[in-house]
């Protein structure tokens, strides 16, 4: 299917509207669930190569990521509670912690790909060899964090459309974070010795 930003935007908007109802728990749950759903809808594509037991391998993997939404939820929920202790900078703090929670959840997630390719044995022609690989998606959180903070700061003076604006900008930032991240995998039997590198789309 691939990443569809407008789907994430709708889910994040719902989360912001729930925060207006005063429930930090619901807000943290909905933000985390929205990003989990979005990330898991993405397609991970890798180029796989290396030396496996049967010979030199070359192939390509396709798959996705599975994440634990509780990783993000705990960070955002704690941030909502800590905001009451701050004298200033509440929105900037929450924006920063949201980005950190999303980043932590993605780093904690697991990629699995189906790999198809050819292996060249030492003394014969190439033959088909398929298998599975597992790995991680590693992104850089700073641009996403900066986008979140810039968004909340630019909302000063807005009297209407705040939730809609925030949802759109956050969705764009999360999407940019995910597609810029690097997918790295290692082959399982019979592809032990192969590695995959790629992207999420």
Protein backbone atom coordinates (compact mmCIF):
# COMPACT_ATOMS: atom_id res chain seq x y z
CA UNK A 1 0.00 0.00 0.00
CA UNK A 2 2.68 2.50 1.00
CA UNK A 3 2.55 5.61 3.15
CA UNK A 4 -0.49 7.88 2.65
CA UNK A 5 0.01 11.15 4.53
CA UNK A 6 -3.64 12.18 4.49
CA UNK A 7 -4.56 9.05 6.45
CA UNK A 8 -2.13 9.99 9.20
CA UNK A 9 -3.38 13.58 9.16
CA UNK A 10 -6.94 12.45 9.87
CA UNK A 11 -5.85 10.24 12.77
CA UNK A 12 -3.63 12.90 14.32
CA UNK A 13 -6.43 15.46 14.04
CA UNK A 14 -8.66 13.09 15.98
CA UNK A 15 -5.96 12.82 18.65
CA UNK A 16 -5.64 16.61 19.01
CA UNK A 17 -9.40 16.96 19.30
CA UNK A 18 -9.42 14.36 22.06
CA UNK A 19 -6.81 16.41 23.93
CA UNK A 20 -9.20 19.35 23.86
CA UNK A 21 -11.60 17.11 25.76
CA UNK A 22 -9.05 16.97 28.57
CA UNK A 23 -7.87 13.36 28.46
CA UNK A 24 -4.08 13.05 28.38
CA UNK A 25 -4.38 9.27 28.34
CA UNK A 26 -6.62 9.23 25.29
CA UNK A 27 -4.40 11.78 23.55
CA UNK A 28 -1.21 9.79 24.10
CA UNK A 29 -2.92 6.57 23.04
CA UNK A 30 -4.35 8.09 19.86
CA UNK A 31 -1.12 9.78 18.75
CA UNK A 32 0.81 6.56 19.27
CA UNK A 33 -1.82 4.43 17.55
CA UNK A 34 -1.96 6.86 14.60
CA UNK A 35 1.79 6.74 13.98
CA UNK A 36 1.90 2.96 14.50
CA UNK A 37 -0.85 2.49 11.92
CA UNK A 38 0.92 4.83 9.50
CA UNK A 39 4.38 3.27 9.89
CA UNK A 40 3.03 -0.25 9.54
CA UNK A 41 1.26 0.74 6.32
CA UNK A 42 4.61 1.57 4.73
CA UNK A 43 6.49 -0.71 2.36
CA UNK A 44 10.12 -1.49 3.15
CA UNK A 45 12.24 -2.29 0.10
CA UNK A 46 15.85 -3.48 0.37
CA UNK A 47 18.76 -4.52 -1.82
CA UNK A 48 20.26 -7.71 -0.37
CA UNK A 49 23.70 -9.15 -0.95
CA UNK A 50 26.50 -11.06 0.70
CA UNK A 51 28.08 -14.46 0.97
CA UNK A 52 25.74 -17.19 2.22
CA UNK A 53 26.44 -20.88 2.77
CA UNK A 54 25.56 -21.71 -0.83
CA UNK A 55 27.69 -18.96 -2.39
CA UNK A 56 27.54 -15.30 -3.37
CA UNK A 57 24.04 -13.87 -3.04
CA UNK A 58 22.22 -11.00 -4.74
CA UNK A 59 18.55 -10.22 -4.29
CA UNK A 60 15.88 -7.80 -3.11
CA UNK A 61 13.56 -7.73 -0.11
CA UNK A 62 10.06 -6.38 0.40
CA UNK A 63 8.23 -6.13 3.69
CA UNK A 64 7.30 -3.78 6.50
CA UNK A 65 7.79 -2.81 10.12
CA UNK A 66 5.96 -3.78 13.30
CA UNK A 67 6.09 -1.39 16.24
CA UNK A 68 4.93 -1.33 19.84
CA UNK A 69 2.73 1.73 20.35
CA UNK A 70 3.18 1.60 24.14
CA UNK A 71 6.77 2.84 23.70
CA UNK A 72 5.54 6.13 22.26
CA UNK A 73 2.45 6.29 24.44
CA UNK A 74 4.42 6.20 27.70
CA UNK A 75 6.68 9.07 26.65
CA UNK A 76 3.84 11.32 25.49
CA UNK A 77 1.64 10.54 28.50
CA UNK A 78 4.52 11.37 30.88
CA UNK A 79 5.12 14.62 28.99
CA UNK A 80 1.47 15.61 29.33
CA UNK A 81 1.75 15.16 33.09
CA UNK A 82 5.02 17.07 33.32
CA UNK A 83 3.56 20.06 31.50
CA UNK A 84 1.70 21.03 34.67
CA UNK A 85 5.07 21.61 36.37
CA UNK A 86 6.37 23.99 33.72
CA UNK A 87 6.13 27.76 34.06
CA UNK A 88 6.53 28.35 30.33
CA UNK A 89 7.21 26.57 27.04
CA UNK A 90 4.45 24.00 27.45
CA UNK A 91 3.71 23.54 23.76
CA UNK A 92 7.38 23.42 22.75
CA UNK A 93 8.05 20.82 25.41
CA UNK A 94 5.13 18.64 24.33
CA UNK A 95 6.13 18.92 20.66
CA UNK A 96 9.66 17.83 21.50
CA UNK A 97 8.49 14.88 23.57
CA UNK A 98 6.05 13.78 20.88
CA UNK A 99 8.90 13.62 18.37
CA UNK A 100 11.07 11.73 20.87
CA UNK A 101 8.28 9.24 21.53
CA UNK A 102 7.72 8.57 17.84
CA UNK A 103 11.45 8.20 17.26
CA UNK A 104 11.82 5.76 20.16
CA UNK A 105 8.90 3.66 18.92
CA UNK A 106 10.32 3.38 15.40
CA UNK A 107 13.82 2.51 16.65
CA UNK A 108 12.30 -0.20 18.82
CA UNK A 109 10.31 -1.66 15.91
CA UNK A 110 11.21 -4.74 13.89
CA UNK A 111 11.42 -5.05 10.12
CA UNK A 112 10.76 -8.33 8.33
CA UNK A 113 11.22 -8.76 4.59
CA UNK A 114 10.68 -11.52 2.07
CA UNK A 115 13.86 -11.75 0.04
CA UNK A 116 14.08 -13.15 -3.47
CA UNK A 117 17.26 -13.50 -5.48
CA UNK A 118 20.00 -15.64 -6.92
CA UNK A 119 22.96 -17.38 -5.37
CA UNK A 120 26.11 -18.23 -7.32
CA UNK A 121 27.79 -21.36 -5.94
CA UNK A 122 31.60 -21.58 -6.16
CA UNK A 123 31.60 -23.95 -9.14
CA UNK A 124 28.21 -23.77 -10.86
CA UNK A 125 25.68 -21.42 -12.45
CA UNK A 126 23.42 -19.09 -10.42
CA UNK A 127 20.25 -20.60 -8.96
CA UNK A 128 17.19 -19.10 -7.26
CA UNK A 129 17.39 -18.72 -3.49
CA UNK A 130 14.66 -17.04 -1.43
CA UNK A 131 14.21 -16.46 2.27
CA UNK A 132 13.44 -13.94 4.99
CA UNK A 133 15.41 -11.18 6.67
CA UNK A 134 14.91 -9.15 9.83
CA UNK A 135 16.20 -5.79 10.92
CA UNK A 136 15.59 -2.23 12.05
CA UNK A 137 14.62 1.17 10.68
CA UNK A 138 16.95 3.94 11.82
CA UNK A 139 15.89 7.56 11.41
CA UNK A 140 17.21 10.95 12.49
CA UNK A 141 14.75 12.64 14.84
CA UNK A 142 16.15 16.19 14.78
CA UNK A 143 14.34 17.39 11.62
CA UNK A 144 11.03 15.94 12.83
CA UNK A 145 11.49 17.49 16.25
CA UNK A 146 12.33 20.87 14.72
CA UNK A 147 9.27 20.70 12.46
CA UNK A 148 7.02 19.94 15.44
CA UNK A 149 8.44 22.83 17.47
CA UNK A 150 8.27 25.26 14.53
CA UNK A 151 4.66 24.29 13.99
CA UNK A 152 3.55 25.00 17.55
CA UNK A 153 5.49 28.28 17.59
CA UNK A 154 3.94 29.40 14.31
CA UNK A 155 0.48 28.83 15.77
CA UNK A 156 0.81 31.84 18.10
CA UNK A 157 -1.97 34.24 17.23
CA UNK A 158 -4.09 31.69 15.39
CA UNK A 159 -7.68 31.78 16.55
CA UNK A 160 -9.12 29.01 14.37
CA UNK A 161 -7.89 25.91 12.59
CA UNK A 162 -5.16 25.16 15.13
CA UNK A 163 -5.80 21.43 15.32
CA UNK A 164 -6.07 21.08 11.56
CA UNK A 165 -2.85 23.00 10.96
CA UNK A 166 -0.94 21.03 13.59
CA UNK A 167 -2.22 17.70 12.27
CA UNK A 168 -1.17 18.51 8.72
CA UNK A 169 2.31 19.76 9.61
CA UNK A 170 2.99 16.89 12.02
CA UNK A 171 1.89 14.36 9.41
CA UNK A 172 4.25 15.85 6.84
CA UNK A 173 7.10 15.74 9.35
CA UNK A 174 6.48 12.12 10.36
CA UNK A 175 6.28 11.07 6.72
CA UNK A 176 9.56 12.85 5.93
CA UNK A 177 11.20 11.17 8.94
CA UNK A 178 10.13 7.70 7.85
CA UNK A 179 11.06 7.97 4.18
CA UNK A 180 14.48 9.38 5.10
CA UNK A 181 15.20 6.53 7.53
CA UNK A 182 17.52 3.68 6.60
CA UNK A 183 16.31 0.07 6.71
CA UNK A 184 18.99 -2.47 7.61
CA UNK A 185 18.35 -6.23 7.66
CA UNK A 186 20.17 -9.51 8.12
CA UNK A 187 19.15 -12.68 6.34
CA UNK A 188 17.76 -15.69 8.15
CA UNK A 189 18.52 -19.28 7.14
CA UNK A 190 19.26 -19.97 4.26
CA UNK A 191 20.31 -16.35 3.73
CA UNK A 192 22.56 -16.01 6.78
CA UNK A 193 25.50 -13.90 5.68
CA UNK A 194 23.44 -11.60 3.49
CA UNK A 195 22.53 -8.06 4.49
CA UNK A 196 19.87 -5.73 3.17
CA UNK A 197 19.81 -1.95 2.97
CA UNK A 198 16.88 0.13 1.85
CA UNK A 199 14.06 2.55 2.53
CA UNK A 200 10.42 2.81 3.50
CA UNK A 201 7.93 4.14 0.97
